[in-house]
Amino acid sequence: MRSFLGGITETIMGEPARRASVQRNTKETRISVSLDLDGGGRFEAETGLPFLEHMLDQIARHGMIDLAIKAEGDLEIDAHHTVEDLGITLGQALHKALDKTGIRRYGHAHVPLDEALSRVVIDFSGRPGLEYHADFARAVVGGFDIDLFREFFQGFVNHALVTLHIDNIRGRNAHHQIETIFKAFGRALRMAVEFDPRSAGVIPSTKGSL
């Protein structure tokens, strides 16, 4: 029996459950993230940032990750600290949950939404790196400063220890552009953390470690 991000220990198709919960408390933010990499795409969030929650829901749904997030931050200043620390905490939780033995390691996805198209490629390399290329049609969507998405992904890669390439290839509607990025990120993440039946018990690197 499963419960959404509950505390039980179980195995999934012979593999250990891949779950983690992380809390990050600073003078600027208080954030908790719980995830299950082998979930069904369920999502719960309370951040005070509805548009960001809409994007995080794309990660859960398209990554087939159960994800629960609670964040309290100094939104009276702006959303920068909350968004960056959410990326950091999500990266920490993913790093904690993932044993890289037998995974595919690499993931990629192209996702369209009407006129917009984005590509995301991820490598669980053990080395943080971000290439982020997006020229958005406007600077604010749903009251949210979209420059902060770069900070979110930078915080994520620094703590998940992944190499991440994000390219918005085209688009005229900023909402569409952003949504294709997050959907593609979820899809690429899902591919990368999947077990590869031909690599069971093997670290996918000639070095023997990641």
C-alpha atoms as a PDB file:
ATOM      1  CA  MET A   1       0.000   0.000   0.000  1.00  0.00           C
ATOM      2  CA  ARG A   2       1.233   3.469  -0.867  1.00  0.00           C
ATOM      3  CA  SER A   3       0.548   6.816   0.744  1.00  0.00           C
ATOM      4  CA  PHE A   4       1.342  10.170  -0.792  1.00  0.00           C
ATOM      5  CA  LEU A   5       4.834  10.950   0.499  1.00  0.00           C
ATOM      6  CA  GLY A   6       4.163   9.053   3.695  1.00  0.00           C
ATOM      7  CA  GLY A   7       6.821   7.751   5.997  1.00  0.00           C
ATOM      8  CA  ILE A   8       6.492   4.051   5.141  1.00  0.00           C
ATOM      9  CA  THR A   9       9.338   2.054   3.635  1.00  0.00           C
ATOM     10  CA  GLU A  10       8.577  -0.063   0.603  1.00  0.00           C
ATOM     11  CA  THR A  11      10.009  -1.471  -2.569  1.00  0.00           C
ATOM     12  CA  ILE A  12       8.811  -0.692  -6.079  1.00  0.00           C
ATOM     13  CA  MET A  13       9.194  -3.465  -8.661  1.00  0.00           C
ATOM     14  CA  GLY A  14      12.054  -4.942  -6.652  1.00  0.00           C
ATOM     15  CA  GLU A  15      13.839  -1.618  -6.209  1.00  0.00           C
ATOM     16  CA  PRO A  16      14.108   0.443  -3.001  1.00  0.00           C
ATOM     17  CA  ALA A  17      11.700   3.334  -2.678  1.00  0.00           C
ATOM     18  CA  ARG A  18      13.311   6.541  -3.886  1.00  0.00           C
ATOM     19  CA  ARG A  19      11.957   9.204  -1.562  1.00  0.00           C
ATOM     20  CA  ALA A  20      13.339  12.140   0.351  1.00  0.00           C
ATOM     21  CA  SER A  21      12.227  15.049   2.490  1.00  0.00           C
ATOM     22  CA  VAL A  22      14.350  18.150   3.029  1.00  0.00           C
ATOM     23  CA  GLN A  23      13.823  21.299   5.070  1.00  0.00           C
ATOM     24  CA  ARG A  24      15.736  24.538   4.551  1.00  0.00           C
ATOM     25  CA  ASN A  25      15.358  27.360   7.052  1.00  0.00           C
ATOM     26  CA  THR A  26      17.123  30.703   6.747  1.00  0.00           C
ATOM     27  CA  LYS A  27      16.434  34.237   7.917  1.00  0.00           C
ATOM     28  CA  GLU A  28      14.730  34.806   4.547  1.00  0.00           C
ATOM     29  CA  THR A  29      12.820  31.586   3.880  1.00  0.00           C
ATOM     30  CA  ARG A  30      11.421  28.412   5.444  1.00  0.00           C
ATOM     31  CA  ILE A  31      10.991  25.664   2.886  1.00  0.00           C
ATOM     32  CA  SER A  32      10.136  21.967   2.954  1.00  0.00           C
ATOM     33  CA  VAL A  33      10.169  19.645  -0.039  1.00  0.00           C
ATOM     34  CA  SER A  34       9.145  15.976  -0.119  1.00  0.00           C
ATOM     35  CA  LEU A  35       9.302  13.878  -3.248  1.00  0.00           C
ATOM     36  CA  ASP A  36       8.850  10.348  -4.507  1.00  0.00           C
ATOM     37  CA  LEU A  37      10.658   9.686  -7.790  1.00  0.00           C
ATOM     38  CA  ASP A  38       8.447   6.662  -8.492  1.00  0.00           C
ATOM     39  CA  GLY A  39       5.158   8.410  -7.880  1.00  0.00           C
ATOM     40  CA  GLY A  40       2.145   9.111 -10.024  1.00  0.00           C
ATOM     41  CA  GLY A  41       2.521  12.827 -10.641  1.00  0.00           C
ATOM     42  CA  ARG A  42       0.657  14.045  -7.562  1.00  0.00           C
ATOM     43  CA  PHE A  43       1.357  17.584  -6.437  1.00  0.00           C
ATOM     44  CA  GLU A  44       0.709  19.702  -3.356  1.00  0.00           C
ATOM     45  CA  ALA A  45       2.078  23.189  -2.810  1.00  0.00           C
ATOM     46  CA  GLU A  46       1.720  26.237  -0.615  1.00  0.00           C
ATOM     47  CA  THR A  47       4.166  28.946  -1.625  1.00  0.00           C
ATOM     48  CA  GLY A  48       2.240  32.197  -2.042  1.00  0.00           C
ATOM     49  CA  LEU A  49       3.312  32.207  -5.703  1.00  0.00           C
ATOM     50  CA  PRO A  50       0.489  30.750  -7.822  1.00  0.00           C
ATOM     51  CA  PHE A  51       2.239  30.986 -11.180  1.00  0.00           C
ATOM     52  CA  LEU A  52       5.325  29.220  -9.831  1.00  0.00           C
ATOM     53  CA  GLU A  53       3.085  26.507  -8.374  1.00  0.00           C
ATOM     54  CA  HIS A  54       1.519  26.044 -11.809  1.00  0.00           C
ATOM     55  CA  MET A  55       4.998  25.437 -13.239  1.00  0.00           C
ATOM     56  CA  LEU A  56       6.071  23.106 -10.416  1.00  0.00           C
ATOM     57  CA  ASP A  57       2.912  21.088 -11.065  1.00  0.00           C
ATOM     58  CA  GLN A  58       4.228  20.511 -14.606  1.00  0.00           C
ATOM     59  CA  ILE A  59       7.393  18.940 -13.158  1.00  0.00           C
ATOM     60  CA  ALA A  60       5.360  16.567 -11.001  1.00  0.00           C
ATOM     61  CA  ARG A  61       2.840  15.656 -13.677  1.00  0.00           C
ATOM     62  CA  HIS A  62       5.226  15.150 -16.573  1.00  0.00           C
ATOM     63  CA  GLY A  63       8.050  13.768 -14.446  1.00  0.00           C
ATOM     64  CA  MET A  64       5.675  11.309 -12.726  1.00  0.00           C
ATOM     65  CA  ILE A  65       7.067  12.528  -9.407  1.00  0.00           C
ATOM     66  CA  ASP A  66       4.931  12.936  -6.301  1.00  0.00           C
ATOM     67  CA  LEU A  67       5.897  16.339  -4.993  1.00  0.00           C
ATOM     68  CA  ALA A  68       4.840  18.245  -1.877  1.00  0.00           C
ATOM     69  CA  ILE A  69       6.191  21.746  -1.238  1.00  0.00           C
ATOM     70  CA  LYS A  70       5.636  24.335   1.444  1.00  0.00           C
ATOM     71  CA  ALA A  71       7.440  27.662   1.375  1.00  0.00           C
ATOM     72  CA  GLU A  72       7.293  30.798   3.478  1.00  0.00           C
ATOM     73  CA  GLY A  73       9.501  33.647   2.347  1.00  0.00           C
ATOM     74  CA  ASP A  74      10.004  37.381   2.434  1.00  0.00           C
ATOM     75  CA  LEU A  75       7.568  38.026  -0.399  1.00  0.00           C
ATOM     76  CA  GLU A  76       6.994  41.517   0.927  1.00  0.00           C
ATOM     77  CA  ILE A  77      10.451  42.305  -0.541  1.00  0.00           C
ATOM     78  CA  ASP A  78      10.126  40.218  -3.684  1.00  0.00           C
ATOM     79  CA  ALA A  79      10.039  36.556  -4.706  1.00  0.00           C
ATOM     80  CA  HIS A  80      13.773  36.154  -5.361  1.00  0.00           C
ATOM     81  CA  HIS A  81      14.798  34.443  -2.118  1.00  0.00           C
ATOM     82  CA  THR A  82      11.790  32.110  -2.115  1.00  0.00           C
ATOM     83  CA  VAL A  83      12.228  31.011  -5.724  1.00  0.00           C
ATOM     84  CA  GLU A  84      15.990  30.481  -5.467  1.00  0.00           C
ATOM     85  CA  ASP A  85      15.694  28.568  -2.194  1.00  0.00           C
ATOM     86  CA  LEU A  86      12.936  26.401  -3.649  1.00  0.00           C
ATOM     87  CA  GLY A  87      15.311  25.411  -6.437  1.00  0.00           C
ATOM     88  CA  ILE A  88      18.029  24.671  -3.891  1.00  0.00           C
ATOM     89  CA  THR A  89      15.753  22.549  -1.698  1.00  0.00           C
ATOM     90  CA  LEU A  90      14.289  20.623  -4.633  1.00  0.00           C
ATOM     91  CA  GLY A  91      17.825  19.883  -5.816  1.00  0.00           C
ATOM     92  CA  GLN A  92      18.822  18.684  -2.353  1.00  0.00           C
ATOM     93  CA  ALA A  93      15.786  16.408  -2.108  1.00  0.00           C
ATOM     94  CA  LEU A  94      16.405  14.890  -5.531  1.00  0.00           C
ATOM     95  CA  HIS A  95      20.087  14.303  -4.744  1.00  0.00           C
ATOM     96  CA  LYS A  96      19.130  12.636  -1.473  1.00  0.00           C
ATOM     97  CA  ALA A  97      16.474  10.397  -3.056  1.00  0.00           C
ATOM     98  CA  LEU A  98      18.468   9.171  -6.034  1.00  0.00           C
ATOM     99  CA  ASP A  99      20.833   6.212  -6.124  1.00  0.00           C
ATOM    100  CA  LYS A 100      22.421   6.493  -9.570  1.00  0.00           C
ATOM    101  CA  THR A 101      23.098   2.771  -9.858  1.00  0.00           C
ATOM    102  CA  GLY A 102      21.257   1.405 -12.873  1.00  0.00           C
ATOM    103  CA  ILE A 103      19.625   4.653 -13.992  1.00  0.00           C
ATOM    104  CA  ARG A 104      19.668   5.957 -17.545  1.00  0.00           C
ATOM    105  CA  ARG A 105      21.561   9.071 -16.325  1.00  0.00           C
ATOM    106  CA  TYR A 106      20.722  11.189 -19.405  1.00  0.00           C
ATOM    107  CA  GLY A 107      17.320  12.584 -20.236  1.00  0.00           C
ATOM    108  CA  HIS A 108      16.020  14.861 -22.966  1.00  0.00           C
ATOM    109  CA  ALA A 109      12.724  16.197 -24.233  1.00  0.00           C
ATOM    110  CA  HIS A 110      11.263  18.553 -26.791  1.00  0.00           C
ATOM    111  CA  VAL A 111       7.852  19.909 -25.804  1.00  0.00           C
ATOM    112  CA  PRO A 112       5.580  22.179 -27.861  1.00  0.00           C
ATOM    113  CA  LEU A 113       2.656  24.290 -26.751  1.00  0.00           C
ATOM    114  CA  ASP A 114       0.967  25.928 -29.715  1.00  0.00           C
ATOM    115  CA  GLU A 115       3.605  28.237 -31.232  1.00  0.00           C
ATOM    116  CA  ALA A 116       6.204  27.658 -28.484  1.00  0.00           C
ATOM    117  CA  LEU A 117       8.824  24.908 -28.431  1.00  0.00           C
ATOM    118  CA  SER A 118      11.475  24.131 -25.812  1.00  0.00           C
ATOM    119  CA  ARG A 119      14.244  21.564 -25.419  1.00  0.00           C
ATOM    120  CA  VAL A 120      15.690  20.363 -22.112  1.00  0.00           C
ATOM    121  CA  VAL A 121      18.622  17.972 -21.709  1.00  0.00           C
ATOM    122  CA  ILE A 122      19.830  16.725 -18.309  1.00  0.00           C
ATOM    123  CA  ASP A 123      22.827  14.680 -17.209  1.00  0.00           C
ATOM    124  CA  PHE A 124      23.207  13.312 -13.680  1.00  0.00           C
ATOM    125  CA  SER A 125      26.915  13.875 -14.036  1.00  0.00           C
ATOM    126  CA  GLY A 126      27.735  14.816 -10.457  1.00  0.00           C
ATOM    127  CA  ARG A 127      28.875  18.193 -11.813  1.00  0.00           C
ATOM    128  CA  PRO A 128      26.647  21.273 -11.527  1.00  0.00           C
ATOM    129  CA  GLY A 129      26.247  23.244 -14.731  1.00  0.00           C
ATOM    130  CA  LEU A 130      23.488  25.305 -16.301  1.00  0.00           C
ATOM    131  CA  GLU A 131      23.073  26.523 -19.861  1.00  0.00           C
ATOM    132  CA  TYR A 132      19.885  28.571 -19.984  1.00  0.00           C
ATOM    133  CA  HIS A 133      18.800  30.222 -23.213  1.00  0.00           C
ATOM    134  CA  ALA A 134      15.378  31.842 -23.370  1.00  0.00           C
ATOM    135  CA  ASP A 135      14.251  35.140 -24.824  1.00  0.00           C
ATOM    136  CA  PHE A 136      10.816  35.638 -23.328  1.00  0.00           C
ATOM    137  CA  ALA A 137       8.171  37.745 -25.004  1.00  0.00           C
ATOM    138  CA  ARG A 138       7.524  39.699 -21.794  1.00  0.00           C
ATOM    139  CA  ALA A 139       9.072  40.071 -18.357  1.00  0.00           C
ATOM    140  CA  VAL A 140       6.115  39.344 -16.068  1.00  0.00           C
ATOM    141  CA  VAL A 141       3.492  36.589 -16.314  1.00  0.00           C
ATOM    142  CA  GLY A 142       0.745  36.140 -13.755  1.00  0.00           C
ATOM    143  CA  GLY A 143       2.392  38.755 -11.584  1.00  0.00           C
ATOM    144  CA  PHE A 144       5.599  36.694 -11.540  1.00  0.00           C
ATOM    145  CA  ASP A 145       9.029  38.014 -12.570  1.00  0.00           C
ATOM    146  CA  ILE A 146      10.179  35.397 -15.068  1.00  0.00           C
ATOM    147  CA  ASP A 147      13.856  36.321 -14.636  1.00  0.00           C
ATOM    148  CA  LEU A 148      13.589  34.323 -11.419  1.00  0.00           C
ATOM    149  CA  PHE A 149      13.236  31.041 -13.284  1.00  0.00           C
ATOM    150  CA  ARG A 150      16.955  31.172 -14.079  1.00  0.00           C
ATOM    151  CA  GLU A 151      17.631  31.502 -10.327  1.00  0.00           C
ATOM    152  CA  PHE A 152      15.377  28.526  -9.656  1.00  0.00           C
ATOM    153  CA  PHE A 153      17.213  26.298 -12.105  1.00  0.00           C
ATOM    154  CA  GLN A 154      20.635  27.542 -10.983  1.00  0.00           C
ATOM    155  CA  GLY A 155      19.809  26.659  -7.387  1.00  0.00           C
ATOM    156  CA  PHE A 156      18.537  23.270  -8.535  1.00  0.00           C
ATOM    157  CA  VAL A 157      21.625  22.270 -10.516  1.00  0.00           C
ATOM    158  CA  ASN A 158      23.998  23.455  -7.798  1.00  0.00           C
ATOM    159  CA  HIS A 159      22.462  21.063  -5.284  1.00  0.00           C
ATOM    160  CA  ALA A 160      21.194  18.207  -7.461  1.00  0.00           C
ATOM    161  CA  LEU A 161      24.695  18.109  -9.011  1.00  0.00           C
ATOM    162  CA  VAL A 162      23.430  17.842 -12.573  1.00  0.00           C
ATOM    163  CA  THR A 163      24.298  19.382 -15.917  1.00  0.00           C
ATOM    164  CA  LEU A 164      21.201  21.031 -17.358  1.00  0.00           C
ATOM    165  CA  HIS A 165      20.698  22.600 -20.803  1.00  0.00           C
ATOM    166  CA  ILE A 166      17.507  24.595 -21.321  1.00  0.00           C
ATOM    167  CA  ASP A 167      16.642  26.148 -24.681  1.00  0.00           C
ATOM    168  CA  ASN A 168      13.434  27.866 -25.628  1.00  0.00           C
ATOM    169  CA  ILE A 169      13.654  27.381 -29.382  1.00  0.00           C
ATOM    170  CA  ARG A 170      10.734  29.611 -30.314  1.00  0.00           C
ATOM    171  CA  GLY A 171       7.605  31.245 -28.979  1.00  0.00           C
ATOM    172  CA  ARG A 172       5.592  34.451 -28.978  1.00  0.00           C
ATOM    173  CA  ASN A 173       3.552  33.912 -25.816  1.00  0.00           C
ATOM    174  CA  ALA A 174       5.653  34.033 -22.629  1.00  0.00           C
ATOM    175  CA  HIS A 175       3.282  31.754 -20.712  1.00  0.00           C
ATOM    176  CA  HIS A 176       3.605  29.152 -23.448  1.00  0.00           C
ATOM    177  CA  GLN A 177       7.391  29.540 -23.537  1.00  0.00           C
ATOM    178  CA  ILE A 178       7.755  28.988 -19.804  1.00  0.00           C
ATOM    179  CA  GLU A 179       5.315  26.113 -19.670  1.00  0.00           C
ATOM    180  CA  THR A 180       7.131  24.237 -22.435  1.00  0.00           C
ATOM    181  CA  ILE A 181      10.379  24.609 -20.470  1.00  0.00           C
ATOM    182  CA  PHE A 182       8.901  23.127 -17.305  1.00  0.00           C
ATOM    183  CA  LYS A 183       7.077  20.333 -19.118  1.00  0.00           C
ATOM    184  CA  ALA A 184      10.256  19.424 -20.987  1.00  0.00           C
ATOM    185  CA  PHE A 185      12.222  19.553 -17.741  1.00  0.00           C
ATOM    186  CA  GLY A 186       9.794  17.115 -16.130  1.00  0.00           C
ATOM    187  CA  ARG A 187       9.967  14.760 -19.110  1.00  0.00           C
ATOM    188  CA  ALA A 188      13.772  14.869 -19.273  1.00  0.00           C
ATOM    189  CA  LEU A 189      14.023  14.278 -15.541  1.00  0.00           C
ATOM    190  CA  ARG A 190      11.685  11.315 -15.778  1.00  0.00           C
ATOM    191  CA  MET A 191      13.804   9.729 -18.492  1.00  0.00           C
ATOM    192  CA  ALA A 192      17.101  10.300 -16.697  1.00  0.00           C
ATOM    193  CA  VAL A 193      16.087   8.722 -13.373  1.00  0.00           C
ATOM    194  CA  GLU A 194      14.407   5.688 -14.942  1.00  0.00           C
ATOM    195  CA  PHE A 195      16.003   2.322 -14.344  1.00  0.00           C
ATOM    196  CA  ASP A 196      17.687   0.894 -17.434  1.00  0.00           C
ATOM    197  CA  PRO A 197      17.130  -2.898 -17.411  1.00  0.00           C
ATOM    198  CA  ARG A 198      20.352  -3.398 -19.389  1.00  0.00           C
ATOM    199  CA  SER A 199      22.377  -1.508 -16.780  1.00  0.00           C
ATOM    200  CA  ALA A 200      21.049  -3.117 -13.604  1.00  0.00           C
ATOM    201  CA  GLY A 201      23.536  -2.747 -10.782  1.00  0.00           C
ATOM    202  CA  VAL A 202      25.870  -0.611 -12.875  1.00  0.00           C
ATOM    203  CA  ILE A 203      26.870   3.023 -12.457  1.00  0.00           C
ATOM    204  CA  PRO A 204      26.419   4.595 -15.940  1.00  0.00           C
ATOM    205  CA  SER A 205      29.936   6.005 -16.189  1.00  0.00           C
ATOM    206  CA  THR A 206      33.320   4.706 -17.336  1.00  0.00           C
ATOM    207  CA  LYS A 207      34.711   6.245 -14.136  1.00  0.00           C
ATOM    208  CA  GLY A 208      32.616   3.876 -12.052  1.00  0.00           C
ATOM    209  CA  SER A 209      31.152   6.747 -10.037  1.00  0.00           C
ATOM    210  CA  LEU A 210      28.992   9.832 -10.514  1.00  0.00           C
END
